[in-house]
mmCIF file of all heavy atoms, coordinates in Angstrom:
data_MODEL
# 
_entry.id   MODEL 
# 
loop_
_atom_site.group_PDB 
_atom_site.id 
_atom_site.type_symbol 
_atom_site.label_atom_id 
_atom_site.label_alt_id 
_atom_site.label_comp_id 
_atom_site.label_asym_id 
_atom_site.label_entity_id 
_atom_site.label_seq_id 
_atom_site.pdbx_PDB_ins_code 
_atom_site.Cartn_x 
_atom_site.Cartn_y 
_atom_site.Cartn_z 
_atom_site.occupancy 
_atom_site.B_iso_or_equiv 
_atom_site.pdbx_formal_charge 
_atom_site.auth_seq_id 
_atom_site.auth_comp_id 
_atom_site.auth_asym_id 
_atom_site.auth_atom_id 
_atom_site.pdbx_PDB_model_num 
ATOM 1   N N   . VAL A 1 1  ? 9.640   -4.279  -14.729 1.00 0.00 ? 1  VAL A N   1 
ATOM 2   C CA  . VAL A 1 1  ? 9.088   -5.457  -14.360 1.00 0.00 ? 1  VAL A CA  1 
ATOM 3   C C   . VAL A 1 1  ? 8.650   -5.396  -12.796 1.00 0.00 ? 1  VAL A C   1 
ATOM 4   O O   . VAL A 1 1  ? 7.577   -5.850  -12.406 1.00 0.00 ? 1  VAL A O   1 
ATOM 5   C CB  . VAL A 1 1  ? 9.972   -6.684  -14.632 1.00 0.00 ? 1  VAL A CB  1 
ATOM 6   C CG1 . VAL A 1 1  ? 9.470   -7.862  -14.030 1.00 0.00 ? 1  VAL A CG1 1 
ATOM 7   C CG2 . VAL A 1 1  ? 10.102  -6.843  -16.125 1.00 0.00 ? 1  VAL A CG2 1 
ATOM 8   N N   . LEU A 1 2  ? 9.599   -4.902  -11.969 1.00 0.00 ? 2  LEU A N   1 
ATOM 9   C CA  . LEU A 1 2  ? 9.317   -4.877  -10.538 1.00 0.00 ? 2  LEU A CA  1 
ATOM 10  C C   . LEU A 1 2  ? 8.233   -3.972  -10.195 1.00 0.00 ? 2  LEU A C   1 
ATOM 11  O O   . LEU A 1 2  ? 7.341   -4.230  -9.419  1.00 0.00 ? 2  LEU A O   1 
ATOM 12  C CB  . LEU A 1 2  ? 10.604  -4.450  -9.789  1.00 0.00 ? 2  LEU A CB  1 
ATOM 13  C CG  . LEU A 1 2  ? 11.765  -5.476  -9.663  1.00 0.00 ? 2  LEU A CG  1 
ATOM 14  C CD1 . LEU A 1 2  ? 12.915  -4.995  -9.027  1.00 0.00 ? 2  LEU A CD1 1 
ATOM 15  C CD2 . LEU A 1 2  ? 11.252  -6.737  -8.946  1.00 0.00 ? 2  LEU A CD2 1 
ATOM 16  N N   . SER A 1 3  ? 8.155   -2.843  -10.940 1.00 0.00 ? 3  SER A N   1 
ATOM 17  C CA  . SER A 1 3  ? 6.991   -1.866  -10.755 1.00 0.00 ? 3  SER A CA  1 
ATOM 18  C C   . SER A 1 3  ? 5.757   -2.489  -11.101 1.00 0.00 ? 3  SER A C   1 
ATOM 19  O O   . SER A 1 3  ? 4.615   -2.213  -10.409 1.00 0.00 ? 3  SER A O   1 
ATOM 20  C CB  . SER A 1 3  ? 7.232   -0.564  -11.472 1.00 0.00 ? 3  SER A CB  1 
ATOM 21  O OG  . SER A 1 3  ? 8.475   0.097   -11.145 1.00 0.00 ? 3  SER A OG  1 
ATOM 22  N N   . PHE A 1 4  ? 5.656   -3.167  -12.178 1.00 0.00 ? 4  PHE A N   1 
ATOM 23  C CA  . PHE A 1 4  ? 4.445   -3.839  -12.616 1.00 0.00 ? 4  PHE A CA  1 
ATOM 24  C C   . PHE A 1 4  ? 3.901   -4.882  -11.790 1.00 0.00 ? 4  PHE A C   1 
ATOM 25  O O   . PHE A 1 4  ? 2.833   -4.950  -11.354 1.00 0.00 ? 4  PHE A O   1 
ATOM 26  C CB  . PHE A 1 4  ? 4.605   -4.469  -13.967 1.00 0.00 ? 4  PHE A CB  1 
ATOM 27  C CG  . PHE A 1 4  ? 3.409   -4.988  -14.619 1.00 0.00 ? 4  PHE A CG  1 
ATOM 28  C CD1 . PHE A 1 4  ? 2.263   -4.180  -14.964 1.00 0.00 ? 4  PHE A CD1 1 
ATOM 29  C CD2 . PHE A 1 4  ? 3.217   -6.431  -14.741 1.00 0.00 ? 4  PHE A CD2 1 
ATOM 30  C CE1 . PHE A 1 4  ? 1.142   -4.730  -15.522 1.00 0.00 ? 4  PHE A CE1 1 
ATOM 31  C CE2 . PHE A 1 4  ? 2.034   -6.984  -15.282 1.00 0.00 ? 4  PHE A CE2 1 
ATOM 32  C CZ  . PHE A 1 4  ? 1.065   -6.132  -15.661 1.00 0.00 ? 4  PHE A CZ  1 
ATOM 33  N N   . GLY A 1 5  ? 4.946   -5.645  -11.094 1.00 0.00 ? 5  GLY A N   1 
ATOM 34  C CA  . GLY A 1 5  ? 4.580   -6.626  -10.172 1.00 0.00 ? 5  GLY A CA  1 
ATOM 35  C C   . GLY A 1 5  ? 4.072   -6.003  -8.896  1.00 0.00 ? 5  GLY A C   1 
ATOM 36  O O   . GLY A 1 5  ? 3.066   -6.538  -8.341  1.00 0.00 ? 5  GLY A O   1 
ATOM 37  N N   . LEU A 1 6  ? 4.535   -4.964  -8.355  1.00 0.00 ? 6  LEU A N   1 
ATOM 38  C CA  . LEU A 1 6  ? 4.175   -4.308  -7.215  1.00 0.00 ? 6  LEU A CA  1 
ATOM 39  C C   . LEU A 1 6  ? 2.759   -3.706  -7.376  1.00 0.00 ? 6  LEU A C   1 
ATOM 40  O O   . LEU A 1 6  ? 1.886   -3.785  -6.544  1.00 0.00 ? 6  LEU A O   1 
ATOM 41  C CB  . LEU A 1 6  ? 5.119   -3.217  -6.832  1.00 0.00 ? 6  LEU A CB  1 
ATOM 42  C CG  . LEU A 1 6  ? 6.366   -3.766  -6.166  1.00 0.00 ? 6  LEU A CG  1 
ATOM 43  C CD1 . LEU A 1 6  ? 7.335   -2.613  -5.922  1.00 0.00 ? 6  LEU A CD1 1 
ATOM 44  C CD2 . LEU A 1 6  ? 6.185   -4.467  -4.883  1.00 0.00 ? 6  LEU A CD2 1 
ATOM 45  N N   . TRP A 1 7  ? 2.569   -3.196  -8.642  1.00 0.00 ? 7  TRP A N   1 
ATOM 46  C CA  . TRP A 1 7  ? 1.215   -2.526  -8.958  1.00 0.00 ? 7  TRP A CA  1 
ATOM 47  C C   . TRP A 1 7  ? 0.159   -3.724  -8.896  1.00 0.00 ? 7  TRP A C   1 
ATOM 48  O O   . TRP A 1 7  ? -0.904  -3.469  -8.505  1.00 0.00 ? 7  TRP A O   1 
ATOM 49  C CB  . TRP A 1 7  ? 1.311   -1.921  -10.324 1.00 0.00 ? 7  TRP A CB  1 
ATOM 50  C CG  . TRP A 1 7  ? 0.088   -1.336  -10.696 1.00 0.00 ? 7  TRP A CG  1 
ATOM 51  C CD1 . TRP A 1 7  ? -0.503  -0.184  -10.277 1.00 0.00 ? 7  TRP A CD1 1 
ATOM 52  C CD2 . TRP A 1 7  ? -0.936  -1.814  -11.654 1.00 0.00 ? 7  TRP A CD2 1 
ATOM 53  N NE1 . TRP A 1 7  ? -1.723  -0.003  -10.915 1.00 0.00 ? 7  TRP A NE1 1 
ATOM 54  C CE2 . TRP A 1 7  ? -2.062  -0.993  -11.780 1.00 0.00 ? 7  TRP A CE2 1 
ATOM 55  C CE3 . TRP A 1 7  ? -0.861  -3.036  -12.481 1.00 0.00 ? 7  TRP A CE3 1 
ATOM 56  C CZ2 . TRP A 1 7  ? -3.035  -1.227  -12.609 1.00 0.00 ? 7  TRP A CZ2 1 
ATOM 57  C CZ3 . TRP A 1 7  ? -1.918  -3.250  -13.302 1.00 0.00 ? 7  TRP A CZ3 1 
ATOM 58  C CH2 . TRP A 1 7  ? -2.961  -2.459  -13.339 1.00 0.00 ? 7  TRP A CH2 1 
ATOM 59  N N   . LEU A 1 8  ? 0.494   -4.835  -9.551  1.00 0.00 ? 8  LEU A N   1 
ATOM 60  C CA  . LEU A 1 8  ? -0.414  -5.998  -9.646  1.00 0.00 ? 8  LEU A CA  1 
ATOM 61  C C   . LEU A 1 8  ? -0.822  -6.423  -8.159  1.00 0.00 ? 8  LEU A C   1 
ATOM 62  O O   . LEU A 1 8  ? -1.960  -6.757  -7.835  1.00 0.00 ? 8  LEU A O   1 
ATOM 63  C CB  . LEU A 1 8  ? 0.078   -7.149  -10.405 1.00 0.00 ? 8  LEU A CB  1 
ATOM 64  C CG  . LEU A 1 8  ? -0.014  -7.001  -11.902 1.00 0.00 ? 8  LEU A CG  1 
ATOM 65  C CD1 . LEU A 1 8  ? 0.603   -8.248  -12.500 1.00 0.00 ? 8  LEU A CD1 1 
ATOM 66  C CD2 . LEU A 1 8  ? -1.458  -6.837  -12.317 1.00 0.00 ? 8  LEU A CD2 1 
ATOM 67  N N   . GLN A 1 9  ? 0.188   -6.535  -7.306  1.00 0.00 ? 9  GLN A N   1 
ATOM 68  C CA  . GLN A 1 9  ? -0.029  -6.974  -5.941  1.00 0.00 ? 9  GLN A CA  1 
ATOM 69  C C   . GLN A 1 9  ? -0.871  -5.974  -5.263  1.00 0.00 ? 9  GLN A C   1 
ATOM 70  O O   . GLN A 1 9  ? -1.767  -6.413  -4.390  1.00 0.00 ? 9  GLN A O   1 
ATOM 71  C CB  . GLN A 1 9  ? 1.266   -7.179  -5.243  1.00 0.00 ? 9  GLN A CB  1 
ATOM 72  C CG  . GLN A 1 9  ? 1.073   -7.677  -3.812  1.00 0.00 ? 9  GLN A CG  1 
ATOM 73  C CD  . GLN A 1 9  ? 2.447   -7.873  -3.073  1.00 0.00 ? 9  GLN A CD  1 
ATOM 74  O OE1 . GLN A 1 9  ? 3.525   -7.298  -3.578  1.00 0.00 ? 9  GLN A OE1 1 
ATOM 75  N NE2 . GLN A 1 9  ? 2.472   -8.472  -1.931  1.00 0.00 ? 9  GLN A NE2 1 
ATOM 76  N N   . GLN A 1 10 ? -0.707  -4.748  -5.343  1.00 0.00 ? 10 GLN A N   1 
ATOM 77  C CA  . GLN A 1 10 ? -1.387  -3.804  -4.675  1.00 0.00 ? 10 GLN A CA  1 
ATOM 78  C C   . GLN A 1 10 ? -2.997  -3.694  -5.094  1.00 0.00 ? 10 GLN A C   1 
ATOM 79  O O   . GLN A 1 10 ? -3.822  -3.410  -4.426  1.00 0.00 ? 10 GLN A O   1 
ATOM 80  C CB  . GLN A 1 10 ? -0.824  -2.460  -4.805  1.00 0.00 ? 10 GLN A CB  1 
ATOM 81  C CG  . GLN A 1 10 ? -1.491  -1.437  -3.917  1.00 0.00 ? 10 GLN A CG  1 
ATOM 82  C CD  . GLN A 1 10 ? -0.737  0.052   -4.089  1.00 0.00 ? 10 GLN A CD  1 
ATOM 83  O OE1 . GLN A 1 10 ? -0.081  0.254   -5.087  1.00 0.00 ? 10 GLN A OE1 1 
ATOM 84  N NE2 . GLN A 1 10 ? -0.795  0.898   -3.114  1.00 0.00 ? 10 GLN A NE2 1 
ATOM 85  N N   . ARG A 1 11 ? -3.135  -4.139  -6.491  1.00 0.00 ? 11 ARG A N   1 
ATOM 86  C CA  . ARG A 1 11 ? -4.501  -3.970  -6.893  1.00 0.00 ? 11 ARG A CA  1 
ATOM 87  C C   . ARG A 1 11 ? -5.418  -5.153  -6.545  1.00 0.00 ? 11 ARG A C   1 
ATOM 88  O O   . ARG A 1 11 ? -6.451  -5.304  -7.026  1.00 0.00 ? 11 ARG A O   1 
ATOM 89  C CB  . ARG A 1 11 ? -4.338  -3.834  -8.469  1.00 0.00 ? 11 ARG A CB  1 
ATOM 90  C CG  . ARG A 1 11 ? -3.844  -2.509  -8.816  1.00 0.00 ? 11 ARG A CG  1 
ATOM 91  C CD  . ARG A 1 11 ? -4.676  -1.368  -8.434  1.00 0.00 ? 11 ARG A CD  1 
ATOM 92  N NE  . ARG A 1 11 ? -4.023  -0.150  -8.524  1.00 0.00 ? 11 ARG A NE  1 
ATOM 93  C CZ  . ARG A 1 11 ? -4.262  0.870   -7.808  1.00 0.00 ? 11 ARG A CZ  1 
ATOM 94  N NH1 . ARG A 1 11 ? -5.354  0.814   -6.902  1.00 0.00 ? 11 ARG A NH1 1 
ATOM 95  N NH2 . ARG A 1 11 ? -3.712  2.022   -7.894  1.00 0.00 ? 11 ARG A NH2 1 
ATOM 96  N N   . THR A 1 12 ? -5.030  -6.202  -5.782  1.00 0.00 ? 12 THR A N   1 
ATOM 97  C CA  . THR A 1 12 ? -5.646  -7.331  -5.327  1.00 0.00 ? 12 THR A CA  1 
ATOM 98  C C   . THR A 1 12 ? -6.717  -6.884  -4.434  1.00 0.00 ? 12 THR A C   1 
ATOM 99  O O   . THR A 1 12 ? -6.392  -6.377  -3.404  1.00 0.00 ? 12 THR A O   1 
ATOM 100 C CB  . THR A 1 12 ? -4.789  -8.404  -4.955  1.00 0.00 ? 12 THR A CB  1 
ATOM 101 O OG1 . THR A 1 12 ? -3.795  -8.697  -5.856  1.00 0.00 ? 12 THR A OG1 1 
ATOM 102 C CG2 . THR A 1 12 ? -5.558  -9.671  -4.659  1.00 0.00 ? 12 THR A CG2 1 
ATOM 103 N N   . THR A 1 13 ? -7.999  -7.220  -4.696  1.00 0.00 ? 13 THR A N   1 
ATOM 104 C CA  . THR A 1 13 ? -9.056  -6.870  -3.727  1.00 0.00 ? 13 THR A CA  1 
ATOM 105 C C   . THR A 1 13 ? -8.902  -7.691  -2.406  1.00 0.00 ? 13 THR A C   1 
ATOM 106 O O   . THR A 1 13 ? -8.630  -8.853  -2.403  1.00 0.00 ? 13 THR A O   1 
ATOM 107 C CB  . THR A 1 13 ? -10.366 -7.121  -4.362  1.00 0.00 ? 13 THR A CB  1 
ATOM 108 O OG1 . THR A 1 13 ? -10.411 -6.257  -5.657  1.00 0.00 ? 13 THR A OG1 1 
ATOM 109 C CG2 . THR A 1 13 ? -11.553 -6.725  -3.470  1.00 0.00 ? 13 THR A CG2 1 
ATOM 110 N N   . GLY A 1 14 ? -9.033  -7.042  -1.371  1.00 0.00 ? 14 GLY A N   1 
ATOM 111 C CA  . GLY A 1 14 ? -8.955  -7.599  -0.042  1.00 0.00 ? 14 GLY A CA  1 
ATOM 112 C C   . GLY A 1 14 ? -10.231 -8.359  0.398   1.00 0.00 ? 14 GLY A C   1 
ATOM 113 O O   . GLY A 1 14 ? -11.212 -8.217  -0.278  1.00 0.00 ? 14 GLY A O   1 
ATOM 114 N N   . ILE A 1 15 ? -10.008 -9.149  1.338   1.00 0.00 ? 15 ILE A N   1 
ATOM 115 C CA  . ILE A 1 15 ? -11.075 -10.029 1.883   1.00 0.00 ? 15 ILE A CA  1 
ATOM 116 C C   . ILE A 1 15 ? -11.761 -9.431  3.149   1.00 0.00 ? 15 ILE A C   1 
ATOM 117 O O   . ILE A 1 15 ? -12.959 -9.473  3.378   1.00 0.00 ? 15 ILE A O   1 
ATOM 118 C CB  . ILE A 1 15 ? -10.650 -11.534 2.142   1.00 0.00 ? 15 ILE A CB  1 
ATOM 119 C CG1 . ILE A 1 15 ? -10.265 -12.128 0.786   1.00 0.00 ? 15 ILE A CG1 1 
ATOM 120 C CG2 . ILE A 1 15 ? -11.730 -12.304 2.761   1.00 0.00 ? 15 ILE A CG2 1 
ATOM 121 C CD1 . ILE A 1 15 ? -9.492  -13.425 0.854   1.00 0.00 ? 15 ILE A CD1 1 
ATOM 122 N N   . LYS A 1 16 ? -10.846 -8.925  3.997   1.00 0.00 ? 16 LYS A N   1 
ATOM 123 C CA  . LYS A 1 16 ? -11.275 -8.459  5.299   1.00 0.00 ? 16 LYS A CA  1 
ATOM 124 C C   . LYS A 1 16 ? -10.351 -7.307  5.843   1.00 0.00 ? 16 LYS A C   1 
ATOM 125 O O   . LYS A 1 16 ? -9.348  -7.128  5.217   1.00 0.00 ? 16 LYS A O   1 
ATOM 126 C CB  . LYS A 1 16 ? -11.346 -9.599  6.332   1.00 0.00 ? 16 LYS A CB  1 
ATOM 127 C CG  . LYS A 1 16 ? -9.990  -10.348 6.529   1.00 0.00 ? 16 LYS A CG  1 
ATOM 128 C CD  . LYS A 1 16 ? -10.052 -11.187 7.802   1.00 0.00 ? 16 LYS A CD  1 
ATOM 129 C CE  . LYS A 1 16 ? -10.687 -12.511 7.430   1.00 0.00 ? 16 LYS A CE  1 
ATOM 130 N NZ  . LYS A 1 16 ? -10.640 -13.502 8.526   1.00 0.00 ? 16 LYS A NZ  1 
ATOM 131 N N   . VAL A 1 17 ? -10.817 -6.577  6.824   1.00 0.00 ? 17 VAL A N   1 
ATOM 132 C CA  . VAL A 1 17 ? -9.932  -5.585  7.548   1.00 0.00 ? 17 VAL A CA  1 
ATOM 133 C C   . VAL A 1 17 ? -9.610  -6.063  8.772   1.00 0.00 ? 17 VAL A C   1 
ATOM 134 O O   . VAL A 1 17 ? -10.365 -6.748  9.501   1.00 0.00 ? 17 VAL A O   1 
ATOM 135 C CB  . VAL A 1 17 ? -10.590 -4.375  7.452   1.00 0.00 ? 17 VAL A CB  1 
ATOM 136 C CG1 . VAL A 1 17 ? -10.865 -3.657  6.140   1.00 0.00 ? 17 VAL A CG1 1 
ATOM 137 C CG2 . VAL A 1 17 ? -12.012 -4.241  8.282   1.00 0.00 ? 17 VAL A CG2 1 
ATOM 138 N N   . ARG A 1 18 ? -8.348  -5.720  9.198   1.00 0.00 ? 18 ARG A N   1 
ATOM 139 C CA  . ARG A 1 18 ? -7.915  -5.998  10.574  1.00 0.00 ? 18 ARG A CA  1 
ATOM 140 C C   . ARG A 1 18 ? -7.758  -4.567  11.281  1.00 0.00 ? 18 ARG A C   1 
ATOM 141 O O   . ARG A 1 18 ? -7.091  -3.761  10.765  1.00 0.00 ? 18 ARG A O   1 
ATOM 142 C CB  . ARG A 1 18 ? -6.589  -6.784  10.634  1.00 0.00 ? 18 ARG A CB  1 
ATOM 143 C CG  . ARG A 1 18 ? -6.054  -6.944  12.126  1.00 0.00 ? 18 ARG A CG  1 
ATOM 144 C CD  . ARG A 1 18 ? -4.788  -7.566  12.095  1.00 0.00 ? 18 ARG A CD  1 
ATOM 145 N NE  . ARG A 1 18 ? -4.865  -9.065  11.621  1.00 0.00 ? 18 ARG A NE  1 
ATOM 146 C CZ  . ARG A 1 18 ? -3.942  -9.666  11.004  1.00 0.00 ? 18 ARG A CZ  1 
ATOM 147 N NH1 . ARG A 1 18 ? -2.700  -9.170  10.919  1.00 0.00 ? 18 ARG A NH1 1 
ATOM 148 N NH2 . ARG A 1 18 ? -4.092  -10.865 10.652  1.00 0.00 ? 18 ARG A NH2 1 
ATOM 149 N N   . ILE A 1 19 ? -8.401  -4.471  12.441  1.00 0.00 ? 19 ILE A N   1 
ATOM 150 C CA  . ILE A 1 19 ? -8.164  -3.280  13.218  1.00 0.00 ? 19 ILE A CA  1 
ATOM 151 C C   . ILE A 1 19 ? -7.317  -3.577  14.421  1.00 0.00 ? 19 ILE A C   1 
ATOM 152 O O   . ILE A 1 19 ? -7.502  -4.500  15.097  1.00 0.00 ? 19 ILE A O   1 
ATOM 153 C CB  . ILE A 1 19 ? -9.589  -2.799  13.770  1.00 0.00 ? 19 ILE A CB  1 
ATOM 154 C CG1 . ILE A 1 19 ? -10.581 -2.679  12.589  1.00 0.00 ? 19 ILE A CG1 1 
ATOM 155 C CG2 . ILE A 1 19 ? -9.443  -1.549  14.594  1.00 0.00 ? 19 ILE A CG2 1 
ATOM 156 C CD1 . ILE A 1 19 ? -12.039 -2.365  12.896  1.00 0.00 ? 19 ILE A CD1 1 
ATOM 157 N N   . THR A 1 20 ? -6.188  -2.732  14.531  1.00 0.00 ? 20 THR A N   1 
ATOM 158 C CA  . THR A 1 20 ? -5.343  -2.837  15.663  1.00 0.00 ? 20 THR A CA  1 
ATOM 159 C C   . THR A 1 20 ? -5.271  -1.585  16.518  1.00 0.00 ? 20 THR A C   1 
ATOM 160 O O   . THR A 1 20 ? -5.258  -0.430  15.797  1.00 0.00 ? 20 THR A O   1 
ATOM 161 C CB  . THR A 1 20 ? -3.894  -3.252  15.300  1.00 0.00 ? 20 THR A CB  1 
ATOM 162 O OG1 . THR A 1 20 ? -3.401  -2.424  14.292  1.00 0.00 ? 20 THR A OG1 1 
ATOM 163 C CG2 . THR A 1 20 ? -3.960  -4.706  14.712  1.00 0.00 ? 20 THR A CG2 1 
ATOM 164 N N   . ILE A 1 21 ? -5.157  -1.706  17.715  1.00 0.00 ? 21 ILE A N   1 
ATOM 165 C CA  . ILE A 1 21 ? -5.052  -0.426  18.661  1.00 0.00 ? 21 ILE A CA  1 
ATOM 166 C C   . ILE A 1 21 ? -3.862  -0.704  19.445  1.00 0.00 ? 21 ILE A C   1 
ATOM 167 O O   . ILE A 1 21 ? -3.703  -1.639  20.205  1.00 0.00 ? 21 ILE A O   1 
ATOM 168 C CB  . ILE A 1 21 ? -6.254  -0.278  19.517  1.00 0.00 ? 21 ILE A CB  1 
ATOM 169 C CG1 . ILE A 1 21 ? -7.677  -0.078  18.647  1.00 0.00 ? 21 ILE A CG1 1 
ATOM 170 C CG2 . ILE A 1 21 ? -6.008  0.964   20.452  1.00 0.00 ? 21 ILE A CG2 1 
ATOM 171 C CD1 . ILE A 1 21 ? -8.858  0.037   19.621  1.00 0.00 ? 21 ILE A CD1 1 
ATOM 172 N N   . ASP A 1 22 ? -2.894  0.200   19.235  1.00 0.00 ? 22 ASP A N   1 
ATOM 173 C CA  . ASP A 1 22 ? -1.619  0.193   19.917  1.00 0.00 ? 22 ASP A CA  1 
ATOM 174 C C   . ASP A 1 22 ? -0.874  -1.330  19.811  1.00 0.00 ? 22 ASP A C   1 
ATOM 175 O O   . ASP A 1 22 ? -0.394  -1.774  20.706  1.00 0.00 ? 22 ASP A O   1 
ATOM 176 C CB  . ASP A 1 22 ? -1.737  0.443   21.444  1.00 0.00 ? 22 ASP A CB  1 
ATOM 177 C CG  . ASP A 1 22 ? -0.527  0.871   22.135  1.00 0.00 ? 22 ASP A CG  1 
ATOM 178 O OD1 . ASP A 1 22 ? 0.529   1.215   21.422  1.00 0.00 ? 22 ASP A OD1 1 
ATOM 179 O OD2 . ASP A 1 22 ? -0.401  0.946   23.370  1.00 0.00 ? 22 ASP A OD2 1 
ATOM 180 N N   . GLY A 1 23 ? -0.983  -1.788  18.565  1.00 0.00 ? 23 GLY A N   1 
ATOM 181 C CA  . GLY A 1 23 ? -0.420  -3.115  18.346  1.00 0.00 ? 23 GLY A CA  1 
ATOM 182 C C   . GLY A 1 23 ? -1.185  -4.305  18.613  1.00 0.00 ? 23 GLY A C   1 
ATOM 183 O O   . GLY A 1 23 ? -0.853  -5.500  18.258  1.00 0.00 ? 23 GLY A O   1 
ATOM 184 N N   . GLU A 1 24 ? -2.276  -4.147  19.398  1.00 0.00 ? 24 GLU A N   1 
ATOM 185 C CA  . GLU A 1 24 ? -3.201  -5.317  19.726  1.00 0.00 ? 24 GLU A CA  1 
ATOM 186 C C   . GLU A 1 24 ? -4.363  -5.324  18.786  1.00 0.00 ? 24 GLU A C   1 
ATOM 187 O O   . GLU A 1 24 ? -4.997  -4.375  18.536  1.00 0.00 ? 24 GLU A O   1 
ATOM 188 C CB  . GLU A 1 24 ? -3.720  -5.056  21.253  1.00 0.00 ? 24 GLU A CB  1 
ATOM 189 C CG  . GLU A 1 24 ? -2.726  -4.888  22.286  1.00 0.00 ? 24 GLU A CG  1 
ATOM 190 C CD  . GLU A 1 24 ? -1.957  -6.199  22.613  1.00 0.00 ? 24 GLU A CD  1 
ATOM 191 O OE1 . GLU A 1 24 ? -2.706  -7.260  22.644  1.00 0.00 ? 24 GLU A OE1 1 
ATOM 192 O OE2 . GLU A 1 24 ? -0.767  -6.211  22.956  1.00 0.00 ? 24 GLU A OE2 1 
# 
């Protein structure tokens, strides 16, 4: 059940990307 939940969460399509350089 936990593996399936993690798999579903990871398969959600993203909306945007965040770019960070050295934490900023």
